[in-house]
C-alpha atoms as a PDB file:
ATOM      1  CA  MET A   1    -144.132  50.081  28.656  1.00  0.00           C
ATOM      2  CA  SER A   2    -142.983  49.655  25.028  1.00  0.00           C
ATOM      3  CA  GLY A   3    -139.433  50.689  26.050  1.00  0.00           C
ATOM      4  CA  ILE A   4    -139.314  47.871  28.578  1.00  0.00           C
ATOM      5  CA  ILE A   5    -140.603  45.356  26.012  1.00  0.00           C
ATOM      6  CA  GLY A   6    -138.034  46.565  23.463  1.00  0.00           C
ATOM      7  CA  ALA A   7    -135.245  46.235  26.015  1.00  0.00           C
ATOM      8  CA  VAL A   8    -136.298  42.677  26.882  1.00  0.00           C
ATOM      9  CA  ILE A   9    -136.479  41.680  23.209  1.00  0.00           C
ATOM     10  CA  SER A  10    -133.069  43.290  22.547  1.00  0.00           C
ATOM     11  CA  PHE A  11    -131.544  41.520  25.542  1.00  0.00           C
ATOM     12  CA  THR A  12    -133.045  38.163  24.519  1.00  0.00           C
ATOM     13  CA  PHE A  13    -131.680  38.364  20.990  1.00  0.00           C
ATOM     14  CA  SER A  14    -128.276  39.501  22.259  1.00  0.00           C
ATOM     15  CA  ALA A  15    -128.125  36.553  24.647  1.00  0.00           C
ATOM     16  CA  ILE A  16    -129.103  34.112  21.882  1.00  0.00           C
ATOM     17  CA  TYR A  17    -126.471  35.624  19.572  1.00  0.00           C
ATOM     18  CA  TRP A  18    -123.703  35.168  22.186  1.00  0.00           C
ATOM     19  CA  ILE A  19    -124.794  31.608  22.924  1.00  0.00           C
ATOM     20  CA  ILE A  20    -124.544  30.752  19.219  1.00  0.00           C
ATOM     21  CA  LEU A  21    -121.072  32.399  18.975  1.00  0.00           C
ATOM     22  CA  VAL A  22    -119.774  30.465  21.998  1.00  0.00           C
ATOM     23  CA  TRP A  23    -121.267  27.177  20.729  1.00  0.00           C
ATOM     24  CA  ARG A  24    -119.718  27.700  17.286  1.00  0.00           C
ATOM     25  CA  SER A  25    -116.267  28.560  18.668  1.00  0.00           C
ATOM     26  CA  ARG A  26    -116.249  25.456  20.821  1.00  0.00           C
ATOM     27  CA  PHE A  27    -117.320  23.300  17.900  1.00  0.00           C
ATOM     28  CA  VAL A  28    -114.801  24.773  15.444  1.00  0.00           C
ATOM     29  CA  ALA A  29    -111.880  24.855  17.830  1.00  0.00           C
ATOM     30  CA  LYS A  30    -111.699  21.059  18.189  1.00  0.00           C
ATOM     31  CA  LEU A  31    -111.764  19.765  14.642  1.00  0.00           C
ATOM     32  CA  LEU A  32    -108.245  18.296  14.246  1.00  0.00           C
ATOM     33  CA  GLU A  33    -105.586  16.730  16.414  1.00  0.00           C
ATOM     34  CA  LYS A  34    -101.930  16.778  15.346  1.00  0.00           C
ATOM     35  CA  VAL A  35     -99.532  13.853  15.894  1.00  0.00           C
ATOM     36  CA  THR A  36     -95.846  14.631  15.181  1.00  0.00           C
ATOM     37  CA  ASN A  37     -92.731  12.658  14.265  1.00  0.00           C
ATOM     38  CA  HIS A  38     -94.028  10.375  11.557  1.00  0.00           C
ATOM     39  CA  GLU A  39     -91.681   9.368   8.721  1.00  0.00           C
ATOM     40  CA  CYS A  40     -92.232  11.358   5.541  1.00  0.00           C
ATOM     41  CA  PRO A  41     -92.645   9.237   2.391  1.00  0.00           C
ATOM     42  CA  ARG A  42     -90.893  11.947   0.305  1.00  0.00           C
ATOM     43  CA  CYS A  43     -87.763  12.846   2.282  1.00  0.00           C
ATOM     44  CA  GLY A  44     -87.593  10.001   4.832  1.00  0.00           C
ATOM     45  CA  ARG A  45     -87.210  12.366   7.811  1.00  0.00           C
ATOM     46  CA  THR A  46     -89.347  11.995  10.892  1.00  0.00           C
ATOM     47  CA  GLN A  47     -90.853  15.450  10.634  1.00  0.00           C
ATOM     48  CA  LEU A  48     -94.238  14.535   9.197  1.00  0.00           C
ATOM     49  CA  ASN A  49     -97.188  15.874  11.141  1.00  0.00           C
ATOM     50  CA  VAL A  50    -100.343  13.772  10.722  1.00  0.00           C
ATOM     51  CA  TYR A  51    -103.713  15.361  11.398  1.00  0.00           C
ATOM     52  CA  PHE A  52    -106.649  13.323  12.720  1.00  0.00           C
ATOM     53  CA  SER A  53    -110.356  14.110  13.099  1.00  0.00           C
ATOM     54  CA  ASP A  54    -110.873  15.157  16.698  1.00  0.00           C
ATOM     55  CA  GLN A  55    -110.936  12.204  19.091  1.00  0.00           C
ATOM     56  CA  THR A  56    -110.971   9.571  16.296  1.00  0.00           C
ATOM     57  CA  ASP A  57    -108.519   7.399  14.428  1.00  0.00           C
ATOM     58  CA  ASN A  58    -109.490   8.929  11.060  1.00  0.00           C
ATOM     59  CA  ARG A  59    -106.427  10.467   9.406  1.00  0.00           C
ATOM     60  CA  VAL A  60    -107.269  13.611   7.489  1.00  0.00           C
ATOM     61  CA  GLY A  61    -104.025  15.070   6.196  1.00  0.00           C
ATOM     62  CA  ALA A  62    -100.299  15.468   6.680  1.00  0.00           C
ATOM     63  CA  TRP A  63     -97.546  18.090   6.410  1.00  0.00           C
ATOM     64  CA  CYS A  64     -93.777  17.607   6.541  1.00  0.00           C
ATOM     65  CA  GLU A  65     -91.883  20.384   8.249  1.00  0.00           C
ATOM     66  CA  PHE A  66     -88.639  19.480   6.410  1.00  0.00           C
ATOM     67  CA  CYS A  67     -89.644  19.123   2.745  1.00  0.00           C
ATOM     68  CA  ASN A  68     -93.014  20.913   2.933  1.00  0.00           C
ATOM     69  CA  LEU A  69     -94.998  17.931   1.650  1.00  0.00           C
ATOM     70  CA  LYS A  70     -98.706  18.608   2.073  1.00  0.00           C
ATOM     71  CA  ALA A  71    -101.093  15.702   1.533  1.00  0.00           C
ATOM     72  CA  TYR A  72    -104.505  14.346   2.403  1.00  0.00           C
ATOM     73  CA  TYR A  73    -105.572  10.809   3.134  1.00  0.00           C
ATOM     74  CA  PHE A  74    -107.851   8.869   0.812  1.00  0.00           C
ATOM     75  CA  GLY A  75    -108.557   5.810   2.908  1.00  0.00           C
ATOM     76  CA  GLU A  76    -105.084   4.519   3.880  1.00  0.00           C
ATOM     77  CA  ARG A  77    -103.382   6.178   0.899  1.00  0.00           C
ATOM     78  CA  LEU A  78    -101.545   9.494   1.303  1.00  0.00           C
ATOM     79  CA  VAL A  79    -102.205  11.759  -1.705  1.00  0.00           C
ATOM     80  CA  PRO A  80     -99.802  14.726  -2.199  1.00  0.00           C
ATOM     81  CA  ILE A  81    -101.369  18.130  -2.764  1.00  0.00           C
ATOM     82  CA  ASN A  82     -98.201  19.935  -3.816  1.00  0.00           C
ATOM     83  CA  SER A  83     -95.477  18.350  -5.954  1.00  0.00           C
END
């Protein structure tokens, strides 16, 4: 009888563990959306990728594929991380 109870408890905790992993991976996978072809303030090329919070208009950061500018947004202002 104790073997059956142990198996049920083990199965229950395994199921809960997998539910938490699946929930976390779905939550983490959709944090940012990338919008390409913005004009870079440093080099002037249209290779700036702007990153938004998922399904919102809140800009989070940016990266230029041409000059490697990396920056974050502070309100409407783009603040460079690297020089």
